[in-house]
Amino acid sequence: MANISRETQTPLATKQRVQWVDYAKGIGIFLVVFGHTLRGLVNSSILETSIIVVSIDQWIYSFHMPLFFYLSGLFIERSASKPLREFVVSKLKVIAYPYFVWSVLQTVLQAIASSYTNSSVSWSNLWRIIYQPVMQYWFLYTLFVIMVVYAIVHKLNVSSRVFLILAFLFYLTQIADVGLGSWRVLYSVRRYAIYLALGAVVGSSRFMSQLSQWKTQTLLMVTIGGFSTVGLAVGFNLIAVKLLTSIVAIFGIAASVALAIFLDRFNRIDVVKQWGSLSLEIFVAHTIASASLRIFLQYVFGFTNPIAHLILGTAIGIYAPIALYRICQRSRLRYMFRLV
């Protein structure tokens, strides 16, 4: 990766960096599964909407997806240094491929079980996934587009810092309510490119190697302060102010990264690192798993305890995809998640 000091290229630094990034992904994917499970329970009337529920939902959604774009940007400078064709092919295999496989699979399952799910899906939705992402898979589609744009710009010798400036200017058009046409993906790109760009700047600077050297007290202060700031922003409804949305998200990202480095340093809750290493597998399959459990408990057993549903739904949303991945790796279905 260009512009990285010799120190950051040592095996030890690389190992530490990857470990805390896995922890950060684990934190993020837990929030994704928990948040989707929470919304599923509200939409199915198992959980009543309340100030607490809405606040938790807004707290999670204010930064958990920006976190993933940020983490995706940390190492993009290195991968974008490859020939453009090689870069695009690699992203087709690990991002576009699971997008199409799981978008089709989830759409088919939702169409079959439409009378039991929270959203009505018809068979006509299948062909639309080419240009109109369905459900949570918008993230993979948007991530692929931003990464390809970054790689193209990189080939034009545009630095990560300049790309961040361009992404920020593009982001400002959202605040000004500038229309981008009917292709909704552009709106997602405009909203989230700034976080991937920020990750690219951090990943290509000395700051990346310095993160793991922060004092424990500093990590705890950033964690508590960052998450608390997001909480205050939710409480005072500051997230409704477009100009402040990205600032709140950055506080959440900083807190998540600090917590990840803390967990890595003391090797605490190692299972979170496992979630992070399999975050893609969990992401693409968690909704199917948690929704299936909710439907089964609700309609077969009439079980509607919201707290139990939330705990069980989150757990199955994480571990069912992991189990499926393990099974697929040992069978002819090894390409269910990635084309590599």
Protein backbone atom coordinates (compact mmCIF):
# COMPACT_ATOMS: atom_id res chain seq x y z
CA MET A 1 0.00 0.00 0.00
CA ALA A 2 1.42 3.35 -1.02
CA ASN A 3 2.45 5.97 1.52
CA ILE A 4 2.69 3.50 4.42
CA SER A 5 5.76 3.66 6.59
CA ARG A 6 8.10 0.68 6.94
CA GLU A 7 6.86 0.19 10.47
CA THR A 8 3.29 -0.50 9.36
CA GLN A 9 4.47 -3.11 6.89
CA THR A 10 5.96 -5.42 9.48
CA PRO A 11 4.22 -8.77 10.08
CA LEU A 12 3.40 -7.83 13.67
CA ALA A 13 1.70 -4.56 12.72
CA THR A 14 -0.22 -6.28 9.94
CA LYS A 15 -1.39 -8.99 12.30
CA GLN A 16 -2.52 -6.47 14.92
CA ARG A 17 -4.29 -4.37 12.34
CA VAL A 18 -6.24 -7.30 10.90
CA GLN A 19 -7.21 -8.55 14.33
CA TRP A 20 -8.75 -5.31 15.53
CA VAL A 21 -10.47 -4.80 12.18
CA ASP A 22 -12.09 -8.22 12.62
CA TYR A 23 -13.24 -7.15 16.07
CA ALA A 24 -14.67 -3.95 14.58
CA LYS A 25 -16.50 -5.95 11.90
CA GLY A 26 -17.80 -8.24 14.63
CA ILE A 27 -19.21 -5.27 16.54
CA GLY A 28 -20.76 -3.96 13.34
CA ILE A 29 -22.34 -7.24 12.25
CA PHE A 30 -23.81 -7.77 15.72
CA LEU A 31 -25.49 -4.37 15.45
CA VAL A 32 -26.75 -5.24 11.95
CA VAL A 33 -28.35 -8.50 13.08
CA PHE A 34 -29.70 -7.03 16.31
CA GLY A 35 -31.12 -4.00 14.47
CA HIS A 36 -32.82 -6.06 11.77
CA THR A 37 -34.22 -8.46 14.36
CA LEU A 38 -35.56 -5.53 16.38
CA ARG A 39 -37.27 -4.01 13.34
CA GLY A 40 -38.68 -7.38 12.32
CA LEU A 41 -40.32 -7.76 15.72
CA VAL A 42 -41.81 -4.26 15.54
CA ASN A 43 -43.13 -4.80 12.00
CA SER A 44 -44.71 -8.13 13.00
CA SER A 45 -46.36 -6.49 16.07
CA ILE A 46 -44.51 -8.76 18.50
CA LEU A 47 -42.72 -5.74 19.96
CA GLU A 48 -44.56 -2.49 20.58
CA THR A 49 -43.03 0.76 19.42
CA SER A 50 -41.83 2.83 22.36
CA ILE A 51 -39.38 5.64 23.03
CA ILE A 52 -36.78 3.10 24.17
CA VAL A 53 -37.20 0.91 21.10
CA VAL A 54 -37.07 3.88 18.73
CA SER A 55 -34.00 5.30 20.51
CA ILE A 56 -32.13 2.00 20.32
CA ASP A 57 -33.03 1.69 16.65
CA GLN A 58 -31.85 5.22 15.85
CA TRP A 59 -28.66 4.76 17.88
CA ILE A 60 -27.73 1.64 15.89
CA TYR A 61 -28.68 3.00 12.49
CA SER A 62 -26.87 6.29 13.00
CA PHE A 63 -23.43 4.68 12.56
CA HIS A 64 -23.41 0.90 12.01
CA MET A 65 -23.46 0.99 8.19
CA PRO A 66 -21.03 3.94 7.95
CA LEU A 67 -18.74 1.77 10.10
CA PHE A 68 -18.70 -0.97 7.46
CA PHE A 69 -17.94 1.46 4.64
CA TYR A 70 -15.14 2.94 6.73
CA LEU A 71 -13.64 -0.49 7.43
CA SER A 72 -13.93 -1.40 3.75
CA GLY A 73 -11.88 1.67 2.89
CA LEU A 74 -8.97 0.92 5.21
CA PHE A 75 -7.21 -1.42 2.77
CA ILE A 76 -8.65 -0.31 -0.56
CA GLU A 77 -5.55 1.69 -1.49
CA ARG A 78 -3.53 -1.51 -1.63
CA SER A 79 -6.09 -3.48 -3.63
CA ALA A 80 -6.74 -0.53 -5.98
CA SER A 81 -3.05 -0.57 -6.86
CA LYS A 82 -3.65 -3.79 -8.81
CA PRO A 83 -4.52 -3.62 -12.52
CA LEU A 84 -8.06 -2.29 -12.88
CA ARG A 85 -9.35 -5.45 -14.53
CA GLU A 86 -7.93 -7.62 -11.74
CA PHE A 87 -9.44 -5.32 -9.12
CA VAL A 88 -12.92 -5.38 -10.69
CA VAL A 89 -12.86 -9.15 -11.14
CA SER A 90 -11.90 -9.66 -7.49
CA LYS A 91 -14.77 -7.43 -6.33
CA LEU A 92 -17.18 -9.23 -8.65
CA LYS A 93 -16.23 -12.48 -6.93
CA VAL A 94 -16.48 -11.34 -3.33
CA ILE A 95 -19.13 -8.59 -3.47
CA ALA A 96 -21.26 -8.75 -6.63
CA TYR A 97 -21.47 -12.55 -6.67
CA PRO A 98 -22.93 -12.97 -3.15
CA TYR A 99 -25.18 -9.99 -3.87
CA PHE A 100 -26.87 -11.77 -6.78
CA VAL A 101 -26.93 -15.23 -5.19
CA TRP A 102 -28.51 -14.11 -1.94
CA SER A 103 -30.74 -11.42 -3.43
CA VAL A 104 -32.31 -14.10 -5.64
CA LEU A 105 -32.53 -16.61 -2.81
CA GLN A 106 -34.12 -14.20 -0.33
CA THR A 107 -36.53 -12.79 -2.93
CA VAL A 108 -37.70 -16.29 -3.87
CA LEU A 109 -38.20 -17.26 -0.22
CA GLN A 110 -40.07 -14.03 0.52
CA ALA A 111 -42.33 -14.51 -2.50
CA ILE A 112 -43.16 -18.05 -1.38
CA ALA A 113 -43.81 -17.03 2.23
CA SER A 114 -45.27 -13.59 1.48
CA SER A 115 -48.35 -14.22 3.63
CA TYR A 116 -46.12 -14.67 6.71
CA THR A 117 -43.38 -12.07 6.18
CA ASN A 118 -43.45 -8.37 7.01
CA SER A 119 -42.93 -7.23 3.41
CA SER A 120 -44.85 -8.12 0.27
CA VAL A 121 -42.58 -9.42 -2.49
CA SER A 122 -43.63 -10.58 -5.96
CA TRP A 123 -41.76 -12.67 -8.49
CA SER A 124 -41.30 -9.57 -10.65
CA ASN A 125 -38.80 -8.33 -8.06
CA LEU A 126 -36.29 -10.91 -9.26
CA TRP A 127 -35.16 -9.21 -12.44
CA ARG A 128 -35.06 -5.82 -10.75
CA ILE A 129 -32.11 -6.80 -8.57
CA ILE A 130 -29.89 -5.94 -11.54
CA TYR A 131 -30.49 -2.23 -10.97
CA GLN A 132 -32.61 -2.04 -7.80
CA PRO A 133 -31.10 -3.68 -4.71
CA VAL A 134 -33.51 -5.53 -2.44
CA MET A 135 -33.62 -5.40 1.32
CA GLN A 136 -30.24 -5.20 3.12
CA TYR A 137 -28.33 -6.14 -0.03
CA TRP A 138 -28.24 -2.48 -1.04
CA PHE A 139 -25.03 -2.37 0.99
CA LEU A 140 -23.17 -4.82 -1.27
CA TYR A 141 -24.41 -3.08 -4.41
CA THR A 142 -23.42 0.35 -3.14
CA LEU A 143 -20.08 -0.86 -1.83
CA PHE A 144 -19.23 -2.40 -5.20
CA VAL A 145 -20.06 0.83 -7.05
CA ILE A 146 -18.01 3.02 -4.68
CA MET A 147 -15.03 0.67 -4.81
CA VAL A 148 -14.99 0.56 -8.60
CA VAL A 149 -15.23 4.36 -8.75
CA TYR A 150 -12.36 4.62 -6.26
CA ALA A 151 -10.22 2.23 -8.32
CA ILE A 152 -10.87 4.19 -11.52
CA VAL A 153 -10.05 7.49 -9.84
CA HIS A 154 -6.95 5.91 -8.31
CA LYS A 155 -5.72 4.98 -11.80
CA LEU A 156 -6.00 8.66 -12.68
CA ASN A 157 -3.46 9.36 -9.92
CA VAL A 158 -6.03 10.95 -7.63
CA SER A 159 -4.93 10.49 -4.02
CA SER A 160 -7.15 9.16 -1.24
CA ARG A 161 -7.24 12.63 0.30
CA VAL A 162 -8.50 14.20 -2.90
CA PHE A 163 -11.05 11.41 -3.22
CA LEU A 164 -12.24 12.25 0.31
CA ILE A 165 -12.69 15.88 -0.71
CA LEU A 166 -14.65 14.83 -3.80
CA ALA A 167 -16.80 12.46 -1.73
CA PHE A 168 -17.45 15.24 0.78
CA LEU A 169 -18.51 17.67 -1.96
CA PHE A 170 -20.80 14.99 -3.37
CA TYR A 171 -22.19 14.43 0.14
CA LEU A 172 -22.98 18.14 0.44
CA THR A 173 -25.40 17.85 -2.49
CA GLN A 174 -27.50 15.66 -0.20
CA ILE A 175 -27.73 18.46 2.34
CA ALA A 176 -28.75 20.81 -0.47
CA ASP A 177 -31.40 18.30 -1.60
CA VAL A 178 -29.96 18.03 -5.09
CA GLY A 179 -31.76 15.36 -7.10
CA LEU A 180 -29.78 12.58 -8.79
CA GLY A 181 -32.46 11.04 -10.94
CA SER A 182 -34.42 7.83 -10.48
CA TRP A 183 -31.56 5.37 -9.85
CA ARG A 184 -31.67 5.05 -6.07
CA VAL A 185 -28.19 3.55 -5.86
CA LEU A 186 -26.69 6.98 -6.57
CA TYR A 187 -28.33 8.31 -3.42
CA SER A 188 -26.72 5.54 -1.36
CA VAL A 189 -23.37 6.20 -3.00
CA ARG A 190 -23.68 9.88 -2.18
CA ARG A 191 -24.55 9.12 1.43
CA TYR A 192 -21.84 6.55 2.17
CA ALA A 193 -18.86 7.23 -0.14
CA ILE A 194 -17.51 9.73 2.37
CA TYR A 195 -16.97 6.98 4.96
CA LEU A 196 -15.11 4.66 2.61
CA ALA A 197 -13.01 7.64 1.54
CA LEU A 198 -12.26 8.45 5.18
CA GLY A 199 -11.19 4.85 5.73
CA ALA A 200 -8.93 5.04 2.67
CA VAL A 201 -7.20 8.15 4.03
CA VAL A 202 -6.66 6.58 7.46
CA GLY A 203 -5.53 3.28 5.96
CA SER A 204 -2.89 4.93 3.81
CA SER A 205 -1.43 7.08 6.59
CA ARG A 206 0.78 6.62 9.67
CA PHE A 207 -2.32 7.06 11.80
CA MET A 208 -3.33 3.49 10.96
CA SER A 209 -0.31 2.01 12.74
CA GLN A 210 -0.62 4.44 15.64
CA LEU A 211 -4.17 3.38 16.48
CA SER A 212 -3.12 0.11 18.11
CA GLN A 213 -0.61 2.03 20.25
CA TRP A 214 -3.19 4.18 22.00
CA LYS A 215 -3.25 3.93 25.78
CA THR A 216 -5.98 1.81 27.32
CA GLN A 217 -7.44 4.84 29.10
CA THR A 218 -7.66 6.68 25.79
CA LEU A 219 -9.42 3.75 24.14
CA LEU A 220 -11.99 3.59 26.95
CA MET A 221 -12.55 7.35 26.84
CA VAL A 222 -13.09 7.31 23.08
CA THR A 223 -15.41 4.29 23.36
CA ILE A 224 -17.58 5.70 26.13
CA GLY A 225 -17.43 9.26 24.82
CA GLY A 226 -18.20 8.28 21.23
CA PHE A 227 -21.15 6.02 22.00
CA SER A 228 -22.48 8.52 24.55
CA THR A 229 -22.29 11.32 21.99
CA VAL A 230 -24.30 9.23 19.55
CA GLY A 231 -26.81 8.61 22.34
CA LEU A 232 -27.11 12.32 23.10
CA ALA A 233 -27.52 13.08 19.40
CA VAL A 234 -30.38 10.59 19.27
CA GLY A 235 -31.91 11.94 22.46
CA PHE A 236 -31.91 15.52 21.20
CA ASN A 237 -32.90 14.41 17.68
CA LEU A 238 -29.74 15.89 16.19
CA ILE A 239 -29.59 13.00 13.73
CA ALA A 240 -32.49 14.65 11.93
CA VAL A 241 -30.16 17.53 11.01
CA LYS A 242 -28.52 16.51 7.73
CA LEU A 243 -25.42 18.56 8.40
CA LEU A 244 -24.79 16.64 11.63
CA THR A 245 -25.57 13.12 10.40
CA SER A 246 -22.04 12.35 9.21
CA ILE A 247 -20.48 13.88 12.34
CA VAL A 248 -22.59 11.66 14.57
CA ALA A 249 -21.66 8.64 12.43
CA ILE A 250 -17.96 9.43 12.78
CA PHE A 251 -18.30 9.50 16.57
CA GLY A 252 -19.89 6.05 16.38
CA ILE A 253 -17.14 4.79 14.08
CA ALA A 254 -14.42 6.12 16.39
CA ALA A 255 -16.04 4.48 19.41
CA SER A 256 -16.39 1.16 17.59
CA VAL A 257 -12.76 1.20 16.46
CA ALA A 258 -11.55 2.08 19.96
CA LEU A 259 -13.62 -0.73 21.46
CA ALA A 260 -12.29 -3.14 18.83
CA ILE A 261 -8.68 -2.25 19.62
CA PHE A 262 -9.40 -2.63 23.34
CA LEU A 263 -10.92 -6.09 22.84
CA ASP A 264 -7.99 -7.11 20.65
CA ARG A 265 -5.40 -5.85 23.13
CA PHE A 266 -6.75 -7.91 26.00
CA ASN A 267 -8.07 -10.75 23.83
CA ARG A 268 -11.52 -10.26 25.33
CA ILE A 269 -14.70 -11.77 23.88
CA ASP A 270 -12.79 -13.59 21.17
CA VAL A 271 -16.09 -14.70 19.65
CA VAL A 272 -16.61 -11.15 18.37
CA LYS A 273 -13.50 -11.56 16.21
CA GLN A 274 -15.03 -14.74 14.75
CA TRP A 275 -18.19 -12.81 13.86
CA GLY A 276 -16.03 -10.22 12.14
CA SER A 277 -14.05 -12.74 10.11
CA LEU A 278 -17.35 -14.17 8.84
CA SER A 279 -19.25 -10.87 8.65
CA LEU A 280 -20.07 -11.26 4.94
CA GLU A 281 -21.51 -14.74 5.47
CA ILE A 282 -23.56 -13.54 8.43
CA PHE A 283 -24.72 -10.44 6.58
CA VAL A 284 -26.12 -12.17 3.50
CA ALA A 285 -27.98 -14.93 5.39
CA HIS A 286 -28.97 -13.47 8.76
CA THR A 287 -32.34 -12.06 7.75
CA ILE A 288 -33.51 -15.39 6.35
CA ALA A 289 -32.42 -17.16 9.54
CA SER A 290 -33.90 -14.72 12.07
CA ALA A 291 -37.13 -14.19 10.12
CA SER A 292 -37.63 -17.94 9.75
CA LEU A 293 -37.25 -18.41 13.49
CA ARG A 294 -39.65 -15.55 14.24
CA ILE A 295 -42.29 -16.93 11.87
CA PHE A 296 -41.87 -20.46 13.24
CA LEU A 297 -42.21 -19.41 16.89
CA GLN A 298 -45.05 -16.99 16.23
CA TYR A 299 -47.27 -19.04 13.91
CA VAL A 300 -46.50 -22.60 14.98
CA PHE A 301 -46.23 -22.17 18.75
CA GLY A 302 -47.95 -18.82 19.20
CA PHE A 303 -44.86 -17.66 21.08
CA THR A 304 -44.66 -13.86 21.17
CA ASN A 305 -42.44 -12.92 24.10
CA PRO A 306 -40.52 -9.94 22.63
CA ILE A 307 -37.36 -10.22 24.77
CA ALA A 308 -36.98 -13.93 24.05
CA HIS A 309 -37.62 -13.29 20.36
CA LEU A 310 -34.97 -10.56 20.32
CA ILE A 311 -32.33 -12.73 22.00
CA LEU A 312 -33.10 -15.87 20.01
CA GLY A 313 -33.50 -13.98 16.74
CA THR A 314 -30.14 -12.26 17.14
CA ALA A 315 -28.40 -15.49 18.14
CA ILE A 316 -29.83 -17.51 15.25
CA GLY A 317 -29.16 -14.61 12.88
CA ILE A 318 -25.47 -14.85 13.73
CA TYR A 319 -24.90 -18.57 14.22
CA ALA A 320 -27.18 -20.11 11.60
CA PRO A 321 -25.21 -18.41 8.77
CA ILE A 322 -21.95 -19.51 10.40
CA ALA A 323 -23.20 -23.09 10.60
CA LEU A 324 -24.40 -22.94 6.99
CA TYR A 325 -21.02 -21.62 5.90
CA ARG A 326 -19.22 -24.49 7.69
CA ILE A 327 -21.51 -27.01 6.02
CA CYS A 328 -21.06 -25.44 2.60
CA GLN A 329 -17.29 -25.52 2.97
CA ARG A 330 -17.46 -29.28 3.44
CA SER A 331 -19.84 -29.92 0.55
CA ARG A 332 -20.44 -29.05 -3.09
CA LEU A 333 -22.06 -25.81 -2.01
CA ARG A 334 -18.78 -24.09 -1.18
CA TYR A 335 -19.59 -21.26 -3.61
CA MET A 336 -22.73 -20.16 -1.80
CA PHE A 337 -20.99 -17.13 -0.35
CA ARG A 338 -18.00 -16.22 -2.52
CA LEU A 339 -16.72 -17.16 -5.94
CA VAL A 340 -13.20 -17.83 -4.65
